């Protein structure tokens, strides 16, 4: 936690940023408060005070983020929030690799975490648009993967239950997803390959 606090403190001294800490899980509140104390009392937004929809909205309104929580990064991605990950397991590592952002990945136990985090935060600022585009492409690619799972499910139902009534006619991949927001439709239009 000291390495994270030191890197964030050095970063905010170099750039005019407003730092918040978001604890999407109850167990993150205490470490968040300790980091906040090291940073002079920056706001800590917790799941005790905000519901998950509010926390996700806050994350998507950020200009950049660093997270050790996979779901923190994933839920901010439709907002195209440039993000870096501090990983304890393979999920963040795999996500950053899928996005093409291995340079924005650090290990929680890295002895050079402070220096690497400072470089990553500078990269988030300098390469904001490029990082956001990679995130947008990843979101759209994963929407299509989810839709493909719907196709496979439909095929399996038809195979096992041939008398089960199925939809007929040509359908778009989007028909295999729940209704998408206008924002997601815009991401698809912008980043579909």
Protein backbone atom coordinates (compact mmCIF):
# COMPACT_ATOMS: atom_id res chain seq x y z
CA UNK A 1 0.00 0.00 0.00
CA UNK A 2 2.89 2.35 0.68
CA UNK A 3 4.20 1.93 -2.88
CA UNK A 4 0.76 2.75 -4.29
CA UNK A 5 0.32 5.77 -2.04
CA UNK A 6 3.81 7.07 -2.84
CA UNK A 7 3.31 6.69 -6.60
CA UNK A 8 -0.09 8.40 -6.51
CA UNK A 9 1.31 11.21 -4.36
CA UNK A 10 4.23 11.78 -6.76
CA UNK A 11 1.85 11.67 -9.74
CA UNK A 12 -0.58 14.20 -8.32
CA UNK A 13 2.29 16.56 -7.53
CA UNK A 14 3.31 16.46 -11.20
CA UNK A 15 -0.18 16.72 -12.65
CA UNK A 16 -3.34 18.48 -11.59
CA UNK A 17 -5.50 15.48 -10.69
CA UNK A 18 -8.28 14.90 -8.19
CA UNK A 19 -7.73 11.50 -6.61
CA UNK A 20 -10.54 9.30 -5.31
CA UNK A 21 -10.39 5.76 -4.02
CA UNK A 22 -13.29 3.42 -4.78
CA UNK A 23 -13.86 0.31 -2.69
CA UNK A 24 -16.32 -1.79 -4.67
CA UNK A 25 -16.04 -4.60 -2.13
CA UNK A 26 -16.40 -4.25 1.64
CA UNK A 27 -12.98 -5.80 2.23
CA UNK A 28 -11.36 -2.97 0.22
CA UNK A 29 -12.68 -0.20 2.48
CA UNK A 30 -10.04 -0.54 5.21
CA UNK A 31 -7.02 -0.63 2.86
CA UNK A 32 -8.59 2.24 0.91
CA UNK A 33 -8.84 4.31 4.08
CA UNK A 34 -5.20 3.56 4.95
CA UNK A 35 -4.07 4.70 1.50
CA UNK A 36 -6.29 7.77 1.86
CA UNK A 37 -4.59 8.66 5.14
CA UNK A 38 -1.18 8.43 3.46
CA UNK A 39 -2.51 10.82 0.79
CA UNK A 40 -3.84 13.36 3.26
CA UNK A 41 -7.45 12.20 3.34
CA UNK A 42 -8.56 11.83 -0.29
CA UNK A 43 -12.20 10.65 -0.64
CA UNK A 44 -12.88 6.93 -0.24
CA UNK A 45 -16.14 5.87 -1.88
CA UNK A 46 -17.34 2.54 -0.53
CA UNK A 47 -20.11 0.05 -1.12
CA UNK A 48 -21.39 1.01 2.34
CA UNK A 49 -22.29 4.46 0.99
CA UNK A 50 -23.07 3.78 -2.68
CA UNK A 51 -24.82 0.93 -4.45
CA UNK A 52 -23.05 -0.91 -7.25
CA UNK A 53 -24.81 1.08 -9.98
CA UNK A 54 -23.63 4.34 -8.44
CA UNK A 55 -20.07 3.03 -8.02
CA UNK A 56 -19.96 1.86 -11.64
CA UNK A 57 -21.25 5.26 -12.79
CA UNK A 58 -18.52 6.95 -10.75
CA UNK A 59 -15.85 4.68 -12.23
CA UNK A 60 -17.08 5.36 -15.77
CA UNK A 61 -16.88 9.11 -15.14
CA UNK A 62 -13.19 8.94 -14.19
CA UNK A 63 -10.52 10.25 -16.54
CA UNK A 64 -8.22 7.34 -15.67
CA UNK A 65 -7.95 4.59 -13.10
CA UNK A 66 -5.60 2.11 -11.51
CA UNK A 67 -7.18 -0.95 -9.94
CA UNK A 68 -6.30 -4.22 -8.30
CA UNK A 69 -9.88 -5.37 -8.83
CA UNK A 70 -10.78 -7.09 -12.09
CA UNK A 71 -14.41 -5.97 -11.91
CA UNK A 72 -13.35 -2.39 -11.27
CA UNK A 73 -11.47 -2.37 -14.56
CA UNK A 74 -14.11 -4.33 -16.51
CA UNK A 75 -17.03 -2.17 -15.37
CA UNK A 76 -15.18 1.02 -16.32
CA UNK A 77 -14.32 -0.21 -19.82
CA UNK A 78 -17.61 0.73 -21.55
CA UNK A 79 -16.84 4.29 -20.39
CA UNK A 80 -13.48 4.01 -22.23
CA UNK A 81 -11.66 4.92 -19.02
CA UNK A 82 -7.91 4.41 -19.54
CA UNK A 83 -6.88 1.94 -16.85
CA UNK A 84 -3.88 0.15 -15.44
CA UNK A 85 -3.96 -2.99 -13.33
CA UNK A 86 -2.14 -4.16 -10.26
CA UNK A 87 -2.61 -7.90 -10.34
CA UNK A 88 -2.80 -10.57 -7.69
CA UNK A 89 -4.12 -13.23 -10.07
CA UNK A 90 -4.46 -14.04 -13.76
CA UNK A 91 -7.71 -12.21 -14.49
CA UNK A 92 -6.25 -8.72 -14.74
CA UNK A 93 -3.16 -10.09 -16.50
CA UNK A 94 -5.33 -11.82 -19.12
CA UNK A 95 -7.52 -8.74 -19.56
CA UNK A 96 -4.55 -6.42 -20.10
CA UNK A 97 -3.04 -8.90 -22.56
CA UNK A 98 -6.35 -9.11 -24.44
CA UNK A 99 -6.49 -5.31 -24.63
CA UNK A 100 -2.86 -5.12 -25.78
CA UNK A 101 -1.89 -3.17 -22.66
CA UNK A 102 0.68 -5.39 -20.96
CA UNK A 103 2.71 -2.23 -20.31
CA UNK A 104 -0.07 -1.10 -17.96
CA UNK A 105 0.16 -4.21 -15.79
CA UNK A 106 2.04 -4.50 -12.51
CA UNK A 107 2.28 -7.27 -9.91
CA UNK A 108 1.18 -6.42 -6.39
CA UNK A 109 4.39 -7.90 -4.95
CA UNK A 110 6.77 -6.22 -7.42
CA UNK A 111 9.66 -4.58 -5.54
CA UNK A 112 9.58 -1.77 -8.14
CA UNK A 113 5.80 -1.27 -7.91
CA UNK A 114 6.08 2.41 -6.98
CA UNK A 115 8.25 3.34 -9.96
CA UNK A 116 6.30 1.15 -12.40
CA UNK A 117 2.98 2.56 -11.22
CA UNK A 118 4.21 6.11 -11.72
CA UNK A 119 5.26 5.24 -15.29
CA UNK A 120 1.90 3.54 -15.91
CA UNK A 121 -0.05 6.58 -14.70
CA UNK A 122 2.02 8.86 -16.94
CA UNK A 123 1.28 6.50 -19.84
CA UNK A 124 -2.45 6.64 -19.07
CA UNK A 125 -2.29 10.43 -19.46
CA UNK A 126 -0.01 10.59 -22.49
CA UNK A 127 -1.65 7.77 -24.48
CA UNK A 128 -5.24 8.30 -23.34
CA UNK A 129 -6.88 8.12 -26.79
CA UNK A 130 -4.90 5.08 -27.96
CA UNK A 131 -5.63 3.22 -24.73
CA UNK A 132 -9.33 4.12 -24.91
CA UNK A 133 -9.51 2.83 -28.49
CA UNK A 134 -7.98 -0.49 -27.42
CA UNK A 135 -10.54 -0.69 -24.64
CA UNK A 136 -13.38 0.08 -27.06
CA UNK A 137 -12.27 -2.66 -29.45
CA UNK A 138 -12.07 -5.12 -26.54
CA UNK A 139 -15.58 -4.25 -25.30
CA UNK A 140 -17.06 -4.78 -28.77
CA UNK A 141 -15.09 -8.00 -29.33
CA UNK A 142 -16.41 -9.37 -26.03
CA UNK A 143 -19.99 -8.39 -26.86
CA UNK A 144 -19.63 -10.48 -30.02
CA UNK A 145 -18.19 -13.39 -28.01
CA UNK A 146 -21.19 -13.24 -25.67
CA UNK A 147 -23.53 -13.19 -28.67
CA UNK A 148 -21.75 -16.24 -30.11
CA UNK A 149 -22.42 -18.07 -26.84
CA UNK A 150 -26.11 -17.32 -27.42
CA UNK A 151 -25.88 -18.88 -30.88
CA UNK A 152 -24.20 -21.99 -29.44
CA UNK A 153 -26.83 -22.22 -26.73
CA UNK A 154 -29.63 -21.95 -29.27
CA UNK A 155 -28.00 -24.68 -31.40
CA UNK A 156 -27.66 -26.95 -28.36
CA UNK A 157 -31.31 -26.44 -27.38
CA UNK A 158 -32.34 -27.28 -30.96
CA UNK A 159 -30.15 -30.40 -30.95
CA UNK A 160 -31.48 -31.69 -27.63
CA UNK A 161 -35.08 -30.58 -28.08
CA UNK A 162 -35.83 -30.66 -31.82
CA UNK A 163 -39.52 -29.91 -31.22
CA UNK A 164 -38.79 -26.79 -29.21
CA UNK A 165 -39.99 -23.74 -31.18
CA UNK A 166 -37.07 -21.67 -32.42
CA UNK A 167 -36.92 -18.26 -34.01
CA UNK A 168 -36.70 -18.33 -37.78
CA UNK A 169 -35.01 -16.08 -40.28
CA UNK A 170 -31.80 -14.13 -40.50
CA UNK A 171 -30.68 -12.50 -37.26
CA UNK A 172 -27.93 -10.12 -36.30
CA UNK A 173 -25.37 -11.10 -33.66
CA UNK A 174 -26.89 -8.31 -31.54
CA UNK A 175 -30.15 -10.30 -31.38
CA UNK A 176 -28.37 -12.76 -29.08
CA UNK A 177 -27.70 -10.11 -26.43
CA UNK A 178 -29.96 -8.33 -23.97
CA UNK A 179 -31.06 -4.90 -25.21
CA UNK A 180 -28.02 -2.64 -25.44
CA UNK A 181 -27.88 0.97 -24.35
CA UNK A 182 -27.43 3.71 -26.92
CA UNK A 183 -23.89 4.11 -25.60
CA UNK A 184 -23.05 0.46 -26.35
CA UNK A 185 -24.56 0.82 -29.82
CA UNK A 186 -22.23 3.79 -30.38
CA UNK A 187 -19.25 1.73 -29.22
CA UNK A 188 -20.21 -1.04 -31.65
CA UNK A 189 -20.53 1.47 -34.48
CA UNK A 190 -17.16 3.02 -33.66
CA UNK A 191 -15.09 -0.06 -32.82
CA UNK A 192 -16.63 -3.00 -34.71
CA UNK A 193 -14.00 -4.66 -36.87
